[in-house]
C-alpha atoms as a PDB file:
ATOM      1  CA  MET A   1     107.136 -55.043-167.230  1.00  0.00           C
ATOM      2  CA  LEU A   2     107.237 -52.062-169.565  1.00  0.00           C
ATOM      3  CA  SER A   3     104.395 -49.929-170.845  1.00  0.00           C
ATOM      4  CA  GLU A   4     103.554 -50.174-174.528  1.00  0.00           C
ATOM      5  CA  GLN A   5     105.132 -46.742-175.068  1.00  0.00           C
ATOM      6  CA  ARG A   6     108.427 -47.883-173.578  1.00  0.00           C
ATOM      7  CA  GLN A   7     108.234 -51.155-175.487  1.00  0.00           C
ATOM      8  CA  ALA A   8     108.051 -49.029-178.656  1.00  0.00           C
ATOM      9  CA  VAL A   9     111.258 -47.278-177.570  1.00  0.00           C
ATOM     10  CA  LEU A  10     112.993 -50.649-177.219  1.00  0.00           C
ATOM     11  CA  VAL A  11     111.742 -51.766-180.633  1.00  0.00           C
ATOM     12  CA  GLY A  12     113.205 -48.602-182.172  1.00  0.00           C
ATOM     13  CA  LEU A  13     116.527 -49.175-180.441  1.00  0.00           C
ATOM     14  CA  VAL A  14     116.840 -52.808-181.510  1.00  0.00           C
ATOM     15  CA  SER A  15     115.892 -52.012-185.107  1.00  0.00           C
ATOM     16  CA  GLY A  16     118.715 -49.465-185.224  1.00  0.00           C
ATOM     17  CA  LEU A  17     121.271 -51.671-183.493  1.00  0.00           C
ATOM     18  CA  LEU A  18     120.656 -55.033-185.169  1.00  0.00           C
ATOM     19  CA  GLN A  19     119.806 -56.019-188.701  1.00  0.00           C
ATOM     20  CA  ARG A  20     116.998 -58.559-188.983  1.00  0.00           C
ATOM     21  CA  LEU A  21     119.170 -61.673-189.307  1.00  0.00           C
ATOM     22  CA  ASN A  22     121.346 -60.536-186.405  1.00  0.00           C
ATOM     23  CA  ALA A  23     118.221 -59.906-184.327  1.00  0.00           C
ATOM     24  CA  ILE A  24     116.933 -63.407-185.054  1.00  0.00           C
ATOM     25  CA  ASN A  25     120.277 -64.929-184.025  1.00  0.00           C
ATOM     26  CA  PHE A  26     120.342 -62.734-180.911  1.00  0.00           C
ATOM     27  CA  ILE A  27     116.880 -63.831-179.715  1.00  0.00           C
ATOM     28  CA  ASP A  28     117.448 -67.490-180.584  1.00  0.00           C
ATOM     29  CA  GLY A  29     120.789 -67.385-178.766  1.00  0.00           C
ATOM     30  CA  LEU A  30     119.106 -65.811-175.757  1.00  0.00           C
ATOM     31  CA  ARG A  31     116.048 -68.078-175.528  1.00  0.00           C
ATOM     32  CA  GLY A  32     116.826 -71.126-177.651  1.00  0.00           C
ATOM     33  CA  ALA A  33     116.765 -72.047-181.328  1.00  0.00           C
ATOM     34  CA  GLY A  34     113.434 -71.410-183.017  1.00  0.00           C
ATOM     35  CA  THR A  35     112.229 -68.767-180.543  1.00  0.00           C
ATOM     36  CA  TRP A  36     111.900 -66.058-183.189  1.00  0.00           C
ATOM     37  CA  VAL A  37     109.903 -68.253-185.565  1.00  0.00           C
ATOM     38  CA  ALA A  38     107.673 -69.455-182.734  1.00  0.00           C
ATOM     39  CA  ILE A  39     106.810 -65.849-181.845  1.00  0.00           C
ATOM     40  CA  VAL A  40     106.517 -64.566-185.411  1.00  0.00           C
ATOM     41  CA  PRO A  41     104.956 -67.450-187.350  1.00  0.00           C
ATOM     42  CA  VAL A  42     103.286 -65.326-190.045  1.00  0.00           C
ATOM     43  CA  ALA A  43     105.340 -64.608-193.148  1.00  0.00           C
ATOM     44  CA  GLY A  44     105.206 -61.182-194.738  1.00  0.00           C
ATOM     45  CA  ALA A  45     105.363 -59.037-191.597  1.00  0.00           C
ATOM     46  CA  THR A  46     107.772 -56.109-191.585  1.00  0.00           C
ATOM     47  CA  TYR A  47     110.900 -56.251-189.454  1.00  0.00           C
ATOM     48  CA  ILE A  48     109.408 -53.628-187.121  1.00  0.00           C
ATOM     49  CA  ASN A  49     106.218 -55.681-186.751  1.00  0.00           C
ATOM     50  CA  GLU A  50     108.294 -58.768-185.956  1.00  0.00           C
ATOM     51  CA  LEU A  51     110.264 -56.869-183.317  1.00  0.00           C
ATOM     52  CA  GLN A  52     107.033 -55.589-181.794  1.00  0.00           C
ATOM     53  CA  ALA A  53     105.795 -59.158-181.445  1.00  0.00           C
ATOM     54  CA  VAL A  54     109.068 -60.305-179.871  1.00  0.00           C
ATOM     55  CA  VAL A  55     109.178 -57.438-177.367  1.00  0.00           C
ATOM     56  CA  ARG A  56     105.514 -57.911-176.427  1.00  0.00           C
ATOM     57  CA  THR A  57     106.123 -61.613-175.832  1.00  0.00           C
ATOM     58  CA  ALA A  58     109.246 -60.950-173.767  1.00  0.00           C
ATOM     59  CA  ASN A  59     107.300 -58.440-171.700  1.00  0.00           C
ATOM     60  CA  ALA A  60     104.367 -60.819-171.148  1.00  0.00           C
ATOM     61  CA  GLU A  61     106.580 -63.834-170.359  1.00  0.00           C
ATOM     62  CA  ASN A  62     108.919 -61.867-168.060  1.00  0.00           C
ATOM     63  CA  TRP A  63     112.164 -62.248-170.005  1.00  0.00           C
ATOM     64  CA  LEU A  64     112.350 -58.647-171.202  1.00  0.00           C
ATOM     65  CA  ARG A  65     114.900 -57.819-168.495  1.00  0.00           C
ATOM     66  CA  GLN A  66     117.104 -60.679-169.707  1.00  0.00           C
ATOM     67  CA  MET A  67     116.844 -59.278-173.226  1.00  0.00           C
ATOM     68  CA  VAL A  68     117.813 -55.738-172.198  1.00  0.00           C
ATOM     69  CA  VAL A  69     120.720 -56.944-170.060  1.00  0.00           C
ATOM     70  CA  ALA A  70     122.070 -58.939-173.017  1.00  0.00           C
ATOM     71  CA  LEU A  71     121.721 -55.903-175.286  1.00  0.00           C
ATOM     72  CA  MET A  72     123.598 -53.760-172.748  1.00  0.00           C
ATOM     73  CA  ALA A  73     126.442 -56.268-172.734  1.00  0.00           C
ATOM     74  CA  ARG A  74     126.666 -55.977-176.515  1.00  0.00           C
ATOM     75  CA  PHE A  75     126.109 -52.215-176.713  1.00  0.00           C
ATOM     76  CA  PRO A  76     127.410 -50.793-173.394  1.00  0.00           C
ATOM     77  CA  ALA A  77     127.566 -47.227-174.709  1.00  0.00           C
ATOM     78  CA  ARG A  78     123.803 -46.982-175.278  1.00  0.00           C
ATOM     79  CA  ALA A  79     122.504 -45.124-172.252  1.00  0.00           C
ATOM     80  CA  GLU A  80     118.918 -45.654-173.421  1.00  0.00           C
ATOM     81  CA  LEU A  81     119.214 -49.368-172.624  1.00  0.00           C
ATOM     82  CA  ALA A  82     120.405 -48.616-169.102  1.00  0.00           C
ATOM     83  CA  ALA A  83     117.422 -46.291-168.633  1.00  0.00           C
ATOM     84  CA  LEU A  84     115.031 -49.019-169.786  1.00  0.00           C
ATOM     85  CA  LEU A  85     116.602 -51.487-167.349  1.00  0.00           C
ATOM     86  CA  VAL A  86     116.090 -49.031-164.487  1.00  0.00           C
ATOM     87  CA  GLU A  87     112.427 -48.717-165.453  1.00  0.00           C
ATOM     88  CA  ILE A  88     111.983 -52.492-165.674  1.00  0.00           C
ATOM     89  CA  ASP A  89     113.501 -52.944-162.215  1.00  0.00           C
ATOM     90  CA  ARG A  90     111.354 -50.163-160.788  1.00  0.00           C
ATOM     91  CA  ASN A  91     108.227 -51.897-162.074  1.00  0.00           C
ATOM     92  CA  ILE A  92     109.122 -55.270-160.570  1.00  0.00           C
ATOM     93  CA  VAL A  93     106.917 -55.908-157.560  1.00  0.00           C
ATOM     94  CA  VAL A  94     107.427 -58.962-155.364  1.00  0.00           C
ATOM     95  CA  PRO A  95     104.080 -60.829-155.317  1.00  0.00           C
ATOM     96  CA  THR A  96     101.947 -60.761-152.179  1.00  0.00           C
ATOM     97  CA  SER A  97      99.974 -63.819-153.300  1.00  0.00           C
ATOM     98  CA  GLN A  98     100.777 -67.075-155.048  1.00  0.00           C
ATOM     99  CA  ASN A  99      97.773 -66.489-157.299  1.00  0.00           C
ATOM    100  CA  ALA A 100      98.047 -63.487-159.608  1.00  0.00           C
ATOM    101  CA  VAL A 101      94.296 -62.925-159.501  1.00  0.00           C
ATOM    102  CA  ASP A 102      94.468 -62.303-155.726  1.00  0.00           C
ATOM    103  CA  GLU A 103      97.247 -59.725-155.996  1.00  0.00           C
ATOM    104  CA  VAL A 104      96.690 -56.360-154.289  1.00  0.00           C
ATOM    105  CA  LEU A 105      99.934 -54.692-155.407  1.00  0.00           C
ATOM    106  CA  LEU A 106     100.439 -54.545-159.167  1.00  0.00           C
ATOM    107  CA  GLY A 107     103.251 -53.284-161.406  1.00  0.00           C
ATOM    108  CA  SER A 108     104.873 -49.961-160.455  1.00  0.00           C
ATOM    109  CA  GLY A 109     103.583 -50.437-156.901  1.00  0.00           C
ATOM    110  CA  ARG A 110      99.991 -49.683-157.916  1.00  0.00           C
ATOM    111  CA  PRO A 111      97.537 -50.889-155.238  1.00  0.00           C
ATOM    112  CA  PHE A 112      94.430 -52.710-156.405  1.00  0.00           C
ATOM    113  CA  VAL A 113      91.832 -53.103-153.682  1.00  0.00           C
ATOM    114  CA  ASN A 114      88.609 -55.107-153.573  1.00  0.00           C
ATOM    115  CA  ARG A 115      86.900 -56.001-156.935  1.00  0.00           C
ATOM    116  CA  SER A 116      86.329 -59.618-155.902  1.00  0.00           C
ATOM    117  CA  ASP A 117      83.742 -60.067-158.671  1.00  0.00           C
ATOM    118  CA  LEU A 118      86.168 -58.816-161.314  1.00  0.00           C
ATOM    119  CA  ARG A 119      88.827 -61.207-160.041  1.00  0.00           C
ATOM    120  CA  ALA A 120      86.403 -64.133-160.369  1.00  0.00           C
ATOM    121  CA  HIS A 121      85.360 -63.000-163.845  1.00  0.00           C
ATOM    122  CA  LEU A 122      88.992 -62.859-164.995  1.00  0.00           C
ATOM    123  CA  LEU A 123      89.559 -66.441-163.911  1.00  0.00           C
ATOM    124  CA  ALA A 124      86.440 -67.490-165.803  1.00  0.00           C
ATOM    125  CA  MET A 125      87.301 -65.477-168.895  1.00  0.00           C
ATOM    126  CA  THR A 126      90.892 -66.705-169.203  1.00  0.00           C
ATOM    127  CA  SER A 127      90.149 -70.386-168.624  1.00  0.00           C
ATOM    128  CA  VAL A 128      90.445 -72.845-171.518  1.00  0.00           C
ATOM    129  CA  ASP A 129      86.748 -72.705-172.322  1.00  0.00           C
ATOM    130  CA  GLY A 130      86.209 -69.273-170.806  1.00  0.00           C
ATOM    131  CA  ALA A 131      83.559 -66.661-171.474  1.00  0.00           C
ATOM    132  CA  PRO A 132      84.486 -64.653-174.580  1.00  0.00           C
ATOM    133  CA  ILE A 133      83.197 -61.265-173.399  1.00  0.00           C
ATOM    134  CA  LEU A 134      83.366 -59.225-170.208  1.00  0.00           C
ATOM    135  CA  LEU A 135      81.395 -56.008-169.835  1.00  0.00           C
ATOM    136  CA  ILE A 136      82.479 -53.643-167.061  1.00  0.00           C
ATOM    137  CA  ASP A 137      80.165 -50.869-165.924  1.00  0.00           C
ATOM    138  CA  GLY A 138      79.468 -48.770-162.855  1.00  0.00           C
ATOM    139  CA  ALA A 139      78.740 -45.283-161.667  1.00  0.00           C
ATOM    140  CA  ALA A 140      81.112 -42.387-162.308  1.00  0.00           C
ATOM    141  CA  LYS A 141      84.428 -42.574-160.429  1.00  0.00           C
ATOM    142  CA  THR A 142      84.052 -46.154-159.246  1.00  0.00           C
ATOM    143  CA  GLY A 143      87.283 -47.328-160.864  1.00  0.00           C
ATOM    144  CA  LYS A 144      86.024 -48.860-164.126  1.00  0.00           C
ATOM    145  CA  SER A 145      89.151 -47.880-166.046  1.00  0.00           C
ATOM    146  CA  TYR A 146      91.370 -49.142-163.203  1.00  0.00           C
ATOM    147  CA  SER A 147      90.104 -52.616-164.144  1.00  0.00           C
ATOM    148  CA  PHE A 148      92.644 -52.748-166.960  1.00  0.00           C
ATOM    149  CA  TYR A 149      95.551 -52.868-164.515  1.00  0.00           C
ATOM    150  CA  LEU A 150      94.304 -56.092-162.978  1.00  0.00           C
ATOM    151  CA  ILE A 151      93.439 -57.531-166.396  1.00  0.00           C
ATOM    152  CA  ASN A 152      96.934 -56.698-167.609  1.00  0.00           C
ATOM    153  CA  HIS A 153      98.386 -58.334-164.498  1.00  0.00           C
ATOM    154  CA  VAL A 154      96.356 -61.543-164.609  1.00  0.00           C
ATOM    155  CA  ALA A 155      95.945 -62.277-168.319  1.00  0.00           C
ATOM    156  CA  PRO A 156      99.670 -62.785-169.151  1.00  0.00           C
ATOM    157  CA  THR A 157      99.944 -65.342-166.345  1.00  0.00           C
ATOM    158  CA  ARG A 158      97.129 -67.253-168.046  1.00  0.00           C
ATOM    159  CA  GLY A 159      98.773 -67.171-171.492  1.00  0.00           C
ATOM    160  CA  PHE A 160      97.061 -64.082-172.923  1.00  0.00           C
ATOM    161  CA  GLU A 161      98.553 -60.906-174.340  1.00  0.00           C
ATOM    162  CA  THR A 162      96.599 -57.766-173.420  1.00  0.00           C
ATOM    163  CA  HIS A 163      95.977 -54.641-175.470  1.00  0.00           C
ATOM    164  CA  LYS A 164      93.944 -51.610-174.432  1.00  0.00           C
ATOM    165  CA  PHE A 165      92.230 -49.365-176.973  1.00  0.00           C
ATOM    166  CA  SER A 166      90.891 -45.920-176.153  1.00  0.00           C
ATOM    167  CA  LEU A 167      87.864 -44.833-178.120  1.00  0.00           C
ATOM    168  CA  ALA A 168      88.730 -41.280-177.143  1.00  0.00           C
ATOM    169  CA  THR A 169      91.437 -41.426-179.833  1.00  0.00           C
ATOM    170  CA  CYS A 170      90.205 -44.223-182.147  1.00  0.00           C
ATOM    171  CA  LEU A 171      86.482 -43.840-182.624  1.00  0.00           C
ATOM    172  CA  ARG A 172      85.667 -44.849-186.192  1.00  0.00           C
ATOM    173  CA  PRO A 173      85.781 -48.503-187.323  1.00  0.00           C
ATOM    174  CA  ASN A 174      88.766 -48.002-189.634  1.00  0.00           C
ATOM    175  CA  GLU A 175      90.693 -46.152-186.894  1.00  0.00           C
ATOM    176  CA  LEU A 176      90.110 -48.994-184.459  1.00  0.00           C
ATOM    177  CA  ALA A 177      91.022 -51.620-187.056  1.00  0.00           C
ATOM    178  CA  ALA A 178      94.265 -49.819-187.908  1.00  0.00           C
ATOM    179  CA  GLU A 179      95.197 -49.495-184.240  1.00  0.00           C
ATOM    180  CA  ILE A 180      94.517 -53.183-183.588  1.00  0.00           C
ATOM    181  CA  LEU A 181      96.699 -54.200-186.524  1.00  0.00           C
ATOM    182  CA  GLU A 182      99.505 -51.950-185.339  1.00  0.00           C
ATOM    183  CA  ARG A 183      99.384 -53.278-181.803  1.00  0.00           C
ATOM    184  CA  ILE A 184      99.387 -56.961-182.770  1.00  0.00           C
ATOM    185  CA  GLY A 185     102.228 -56.405-185.219  1.00  0.00           C
ATOM    186  CA  ALA A 186     100.277 -57.078-188.406  1.00  0.00           C
ATOM    187  CA  THR A 187      99.670 -55.210-191.634  1.00  0.00           C
ATOM    188  CA  ALA A 188      96.750 -55.167-194.043  1.00  0.00           C
ATOM    189  CA  ASP A 189      95.066 -52.839-196.477  1.00  0.00           C
ATOM    190  CA  LEU A 190      91.877 -51.439-194.974  1.00  0.00           C
ATOM    191  CA  PRO A 191      89.260 -50.597-197.599  1.00  0.00           C
ATOM    192  CA  PRO A 192      87.512 -47.231-197.381  1.00  0.00           C
ATOM    193  CA  ILE A 193      83.753 -47.265-197.122  1.00  0.00           C
ATOM    194  CA  GLY A 194      82.192 -47.734-200.536  1.00  0.00           C
ATOM    195  CA  ASN A 195      78.660 -47.784-201.837  1.00  0.00           C
ATOM    196  CA  GLU A 196      77.518 -49.826-198.839  1.00  0.00           C
ATOM    197  CA  SER A 197      76.162 -49.426-195.339  1.00  0.00           C
ATOM    198  CA  ALA A 198      78.488 -48.544-192.486  1.00  0.00           C
ATOM    199  CA  GLU A 199      77.563 -51.857-190.866  1.00  0.00           C
ATOM    200  CA  ARG A 200      78.629 -53.864-193.915  1.00  0.00           C
ATOM    201  CA  TRP A 201      81.890 -51.917-194.137  1.00  0.00           C
ATOM    202  CA  ALA A 202      82.521 -52.513-190.426  1.00  0.00           C
ATOM    203  CA  GLY A 203      81.975 -56.232-190.990  1.00  0.00           C
ATOM    204  CA  LYS A 204      84.643 -56.259-193.702  1.00  0.00           C
ATOM    205  CA  LEU A 205      87.111 -54.539-191.370  1.00  0.00           C
ATOM    206  CA  ALA A 206      86.347 -57.003-188.570  1.00  0.00           C
ATOM    207  CA  THR A 207      86.955 -59.903-190.956  1.00  0.00           C
ATOM    208  CA  ILE A 208      90.398 -58.504-191.767  1.00  0.00           C
ATOM    209  CA  ILE A 209      91.197 -58.431-188.045  1.00  0.00           C
ATOM    210  CA  TYR A 210      89.840 -61.978-187.723  1.00  0.00           C
ATOM    211  CA  ASN A 211      92.238 -63.218-190.401  1.00  0.00           C
ATOM    212  CA  LYS A 212      95.201 -61.616-188.593  1.00  0.00           C
ATOM    213  CA  LEU A 213      94.248 -63.033-185.205  1.00  0.00           C
ATOM    214  CA  LYS A 214      93.440 -66.568-186.383  1.00  0.00           C
ATOM    215  CA  GLY A 215      96.160 -68.981-185.335  1.00  0.00           C
ATOM    216  CA  GLY A 216      98.007 -66.345-183.329  1.00  0.00           C
ATOM    217  CA  PRO A 217      98.650 -66.109-179.587  1.00  0.00           C
ATOM    218  CA  PRO A 218      95.632 -65.711-177.283  1.00  0.00           C
ATOM    219  CA  ARG A 219      94.802 -62.050-176.719  1.00  0.00           C
ATOM    220  CA  VAL A 220      92.530 -59.925-174.565  1.00  0.00           C
ATOM    221  CA  LEU A 221      91.398 -56.747-176.325  1.00  0.00           C
ATOM    222  CA  VAL A 222      90.142 -54.104-173.878  1.00  0.00           C
ATOM    223  CA  PHE A 223      88.026 -51.261-175.271  1.00  0.00           C
ATOM    224  CA  ASP A 224      87.673 -48.281-172.945  1.00  0.00           C
ATOM    225  CA  ASP A 225      87.020 -44.529-172.931  1.00  0.00           C
ATOM    226  CA  PHE A 226      83.749 -44.645-174.824  1.00  0.00           C
ATOM    227  CA  PRO A 227      82.641 -41.034-175.426  1.00  0.00           C
ATOM    228  CA  VAL A 228      80.573 -39.415-172.694  1.00  0.00           C
ATOM    229  CA  THR A 229      79.478 -35.942-171.656  1.00  0.00           C
ATOM    230  CA  HIS A 230      80.038 -34.956-168.025  1.00  0.00           C
ATOM    231  CA  LEU A 231      76.908 -33.350-166.602  1.00  0.00           C
ATOM    232  CA  PRO A 232      76.942 -30.678-163.864  1.00  0.00           C
ATOM    233  CA  ASP A 233      75.612 -33.140-161.272  1.00  0.00           C
ATOM    234  CA  GLY A 234      78.638 -35.410-161.822  1.00  0.00           C
ATOM    235  CA  SER A 235      76.767 -38.027-163.837  1.00  0.00           C
ATOM    236  CA  LEU A 236      77.691 -39.158-167.334  1.00  0.00           C
ATOM    237  CA  LEU A 237      75.703 -38.980-170.553  1.00  0.00           C
ATOM    238  CA  ASP A 238      76.641 -41.445-173.289  1.00  0.00           C
ATOM    239  CA  VAL A 239      77.494 -39.951-176.684  1.00  0.00           C
ATOM    240  CA  PRO A 240      76.357 -41.947-179.746  1.00  0.00           C
ATOM    241  CA  LEU A 241      79.132 -43.823-181.545  1.00  0.00           C
ATOM    242  CA  PRO A 242      79.904 -43.118-185.211  1.00  0.00           C
ATOM    243  CA  ASP A 243      78.118 -45.278-187.740  1.00  0.00           C
ATOM    244  CA  GLY A 244      79.641 -48.742-187.884  1.00  0.00           C
ATOM    245  CA  THR A 245      81.706 -48.610-184.679  1.00  0.00           C
ATOM    246  CA  ALA A 246      79.299 -50.637-182.555  1.00  0.00           C
ATOM    247  CA  SER A 247      78.855 -53.111-185.429  1.00  0.00           C
ATOM    248  CA  PHE A 248      82.632 -53.519-185.723  1.00  0.00           C
ATOM    249  CA  LEU A 249      83.027 -54.205-181.998  1.00  0.00           C
ATOM    250  CA  ILE A 250      80.100 -56.615-181.853  1.00  0.00           C
ATOM    251  CA  ARG A 251      81.431 -58.490-184.878  1.00  0.00           C
ATOM    252  CA  LEU A 252      84.776 -58.908-183.065  1.00  0.00           C
ATOM    253  CA  ALA A 253      82.894 -60.157-180.008  1.00  0.00           C
ATOM    254  CA  LYS A 254      81.062 -62.699-182.195  1.00  0.00           C
ATOM    255  CA  TYR A 255      84.378 -63.929-183.553  1.00  0.00           C
ATOM    256  CA  ALA A 256      85.637 -64.272-179.947  1.00  0.00           C
ATOM    257  CA  ASP A 257      82.615 -66.445-179.204  1.00  0.00           C
ATOM    258  CA  GLU A 258      82.850 -68.498-182.375  1.00  0.00           C
ATOM    259  CA  GLU A 259      85.803 -68.975-184.733  1.00  0.00           C
ATOM    260  CA  LEU A 260      88.404 -67.226-182.511  1.00  0.00           C
ATOM    261  CA  HIS A 261      87.457 -68.717-179.173  1.00  0.00           C
ATOM    262  CA  ASP A 262      90.991 -70.044-178.651  1.00  0.00           C
ATOM    263  CA  GLU A 263      92.621 -66.767-179.660  1.00  0.00           C
ATOM    264  CA  LEU A 264      90.430 -63.890-178.473  1.00  0.00           C
ATOM    265  CA  ARG A 265      88.656 -62.399-175.476  1.00  0.00           C
ATOM    266  CA  ILE A 266      86.922 -59.013-175.526  1.00  0.00           C
ATOM    267  CA  VAL A 267      86.465 -56.584-172.618  1.00  0.00           C
ATOM    268  CA  PHE A 268      84.198 -53.552-172.925  1.00  0.00           C
ATOM    269  CA  THR A 269      84.219 -50.783-170.337  1.00  0.00           C
ATOM    270  CA  ARG A 270      80.943 -48.828-170.337  1.00  0.00           C
ATOM    271  CA  PHE A 271      79.783 -50.116-173.714  1.00  0.00           C
ATOM    272  CA  ARG A 272      76.084 -49.365-174.062  1.00  0.00           C
ATOM    273  CA  ALA A 273      75.177 -50.820-177.459  1.00  0.00           C
ATOM    274  CA  PRO A 274      72.765 -53.769-177.137  1.00  0.00           C
ATOM    275  CA  LEU A 275      74.340 -57.181-177.627  1.00  0.00           C
ATOM    276  CA  PRO A 276      72.783 -59.877-179.797  1.00  0.00           C
ATOM    277  CA  ALA A 277      71.000 -62.533-177.752  1.00  0.00           C
ATOM    278  CA  GLU A 278      73.658 -65.154-178.495  1.00  0.00           C
ATOM    279  CA  LEU A 279      76.349 -62.892-177.007  1.00  0.00           C
ATOM    280  CA  GLU A 280      74.229 -61.778-174.079  1.00  0.00           C
ATOM    281  CA  ASP A 281      73.923 -65.439-173.115  1.00  0.00           C
ATOM    282  CA  VAL A 282      77.697 -65.863-172.719  1.00  0.00           C
ATOM    283  CA  ALA A 283      78.829 -62.396-171.620  1.00  0.00           C
ATOM    284  CA  LEU A 284      80.096 -61.789-168.091  1.00  0.00           C
ATOM    285  CA  ARG A 285      79.087 -58.517-166.431  1.00  0.00           C
ATOM    286  CA  ASP A 286      80.953 -56.668-163.715  1.00  0.00           C
ATOM    287  CA  GLU A 287      79.702 -53.662-161.758  1.00  0.00           C
ATOM    288  CA  ALA A 288      82.679 -51.632-160.536  1.00  0.00           C
ATOM    289  CA  GLN A 289      82.459 -50.761-156.843  1.00  0.00           C
ATOM    290  CA  GLY A 290      84.603 -48.646-154.592  1.00  0.00           C
ATOM    291  CA  PHE A 291      86.231 -50.096-151.510  1.00  0.00           C
ATOM    292  CA  THR A 292      85.537 -49.813-147.817  1.00  0.00           C
ATOM    293  CA  LYS A 293      87.887 -49.154-144.926  1.00  0.00           C
ATOM    294  CA  ASP A 294      87.941 -52.894-144.213  1.00  0.00           C
ATOM    295  CA  HIS A 295      89.001 -53.561-147.811  1.00  0.00           C
ATOM    296  CA  MET A 296      91.849 -51.051-147.424  1.00  0.00           C
ATOM    297  CA  VAL A 297      93.042 -52.604-144.165  1.00  0.00           C
ATOM    298  CA  GLY A 298      92.875 -56.094-145.667  1.00  0.00           C
ATOM    299  CA  ALA A 299      94.907 -55.129-148.728  1.00  0.00           C
ATOM    300  CA  ILE A 300      97.565 -53.340-146.686  1.00  0.00           C
ATOM    301  CA  MET A 301      97.850 -56.252-144.257  1.00  0.00           C
ATOM    302  CA  GLN A 302      98.258 -58.664-147.189  1.00  0.00           C
ATOM    303  CA  VAL A 303     101.325 -56.685-148.250  1.00  0.00           C
ATOM    304  CA  VAL A 304     102.550 -56.432-144.644  1.00  0.00           C
ATOM    305  CA  ALA A 305     102.331 -60.202-144.221  1.00  0.00           C
ATOM    306  CA  ALA A 306     104.075 -60.912-147.548  1.00  0.00           C
ATOM    307  CA  ARG A 307     106.899 -58.482-146.753  1.00  0.00           C
ATOM    308  CA  LYS A 308     107.144 -59.705-143.130  1.00  0.00           C
ATOM    309  CA  TRP A 309     106.893 -56.165-141.779  1.00  0.00           C
ATOM    310  CA  SER A 310     106.322 -55.829-138.045  1.00  0.00           C
ATOM    311  CA  VAL A 311     103.063 -53.881-138.120  1.00  0.00           C
ATOM    312  CA  SER A 312      99.863 -54.759-136.280  1.00  0.00           C
ATOM    313  CA  PRO A 313      96.381 -54.654-137.853  1.00  0.00           C
ATOM    314  CA  ALA A 314      95.327 -52.223-135.100  1.00  0.00           C
ATOM    315  CA  ILE A 315      97.894 -49.665-136.236  1.00  0.00           C
ATOM    316  CA  ILE A 316      96.790 -49.966-139.854  1.00  0.00           C
ATOM    317  CA  GLN A 317      93.143 -49.703-138.839  1.00  0.00           C
ATOM    318  CA  GLN A 318      93.877 -46.507-136.903  1.00  0.00           C
ATOM    319  CA  LYS A 319      95.715 -44.943-139.846  1.00  0.00           C
ATOM    320  CA  VAL A 320      92.843 -45.779-142.207  1.00  0.00           C
ATOM    321  CA  ASP A 321      90.284 -44.412-139.731  1.00  0.00           C
ATOM    322  CA  ASP A 322      92.272 -41.193-139.338  1.00  0.00           C
ATOM    323  CA  PHE A 323      92.478 -40.812-143.113  1.00  0.00           C
ATOM    324  CA  HIS A 324      88.734 -41.121-143.544  1.00  0.00           C
ATOM    325  CA  SER A 325      87.888 -38.899-140.572  1.00  0.00           C
ATOM    326  CA  THR A 326      89.237 -35.672-142.033  1.00  0.00           C
ATOM    327  CA  SER A 327      87.045 -35.185-145.135  1.00  0.00           C
ATOM    328  CA  ALA A 328      85.111 -36.927-147.887  1.00  0.00           C
ATOM    329  CA  ARG A 329      87.503 -39.068-149.919  1.00  0.00           C
ATOM    330  CA  THR A 330      87.471 -39.840-153.632  1.00  0.00           C
ATOM    331  CA  LEU A 331      88.568 -43.153-155.084  1.00  0.00           C
ATOM    332  CA  ASN A 332      91.817 -41.566-156.252  1.00  0.00           C
ATOM    333  CA  ASP A 333      92.426 -40.223-152.747  1.00  0.00           C
ATOM    334  CA  CYS A 334      92.027 -43.740-151.353  1.00  0.00           C
ATOM    335  CA  PHE A 335      94.412 -45.264-153.887  1.00  0.00           C
ATOM    336  CA  ARG A 336      97.019 -42.600-153.163  1.00  0.00           C
ATOM    337  CA  PHE A 337      96.661 -43.138-149.425  1.00  0.00           C
ATOM    338  CA  VAL A 338      97.208 -46.891-149.725  1.00  0.00           C
ATOM    339  CA  ARG A 339     100.186 -46.392-152.047  1.00  0.00           C
ATOM    340  CA  ASP A 340     101.794 -43.742-149.822  1.00  0.00           C
ATOM    341  CA  LEU A 341     101.213 -45.731-146.642  1.00  0.00           C
ATOM    342  CA  LEU A 342     102.849 -48.805-148.180  1.00  0.00           C
ATOM    343  CA  ARG A 343     105.844 -46.692-149.153  1.00  0.00           C
ATOM    344  CA  GLU A 344     106.027 -45.339-145.622  1.00  0.00           C
ATOM    345  CA  LEU A 345     105.862 -48.840-144.148  1.00  0.00           C
ATOM    346  CA  ALA A 346     108.553 -50.070-146.540  1.00  0.00           C
ATOM    347  CA  LYS A 347     111.007 -47.590-145.041  1.00  0.00           C
END
């Protein structure tokens, strides 16, 4: 799979190499007649927006490599395509579990340890009649933001496209609405705030997003990086959101629970605004936790068993014990240790 940034590079390349009609014929020839229309059912989208939808779908359904290989055959002189293929191959990780939700080694070789509650919540959220909202919280440096990697791994296998939005860069309602439209490959005029409350304006913006999501592919929208102040003792202090932002997000969550239940799931990471009672009743809550030495050994041995490496649990246990015996370890230290040990074992 490719990151959204690298997907954007591919979109730019294809738009320069193929005119729209040629692109449609290329995709339909690659995947079967009608593929383009099935992915881009809404008339009026720009060619770039259509390409974004196609590339996102290919990435989620694991035929992006096939697409790039076919483009390389047609345009062998474009070194950028070869570079993208190398990145796709580097990100391919052979599964260690038949069930994606139980995976401990995600794309790019990123280990994902423990979080059994989050794994259960993802199954519940992405089921046919699943919970529309998941709220992830936890103390500082417990891996809340790491949750996205598992969400992005599991959701596509359950038929959902995933998109992550950082409130560190898109904080106001109109900024969030514009970013959502861009990421789902849609366009719309967003009205500026008029002689009205910020909450009413936010509701209008959310309704525009609703109209663009209705009838489209199922999506999980993940909202992270809510503004905080880091205090000297290492704790976090929440910073109030701009007027209308919380209302915009809650309105989207209501749509996920009501009219868009087939098309939308919402994940909030450290979102502190109170939810209406009707949403509180259906929201799942996850408390991010670190992982123990036993969790680390279990995850490593899952990879060892899947790869059929000749390594005993006792050896892994000793390496984990030695790692923890030297000094206090942060969550990032533990992730790096697991990743580096797996690379060492692979050799």
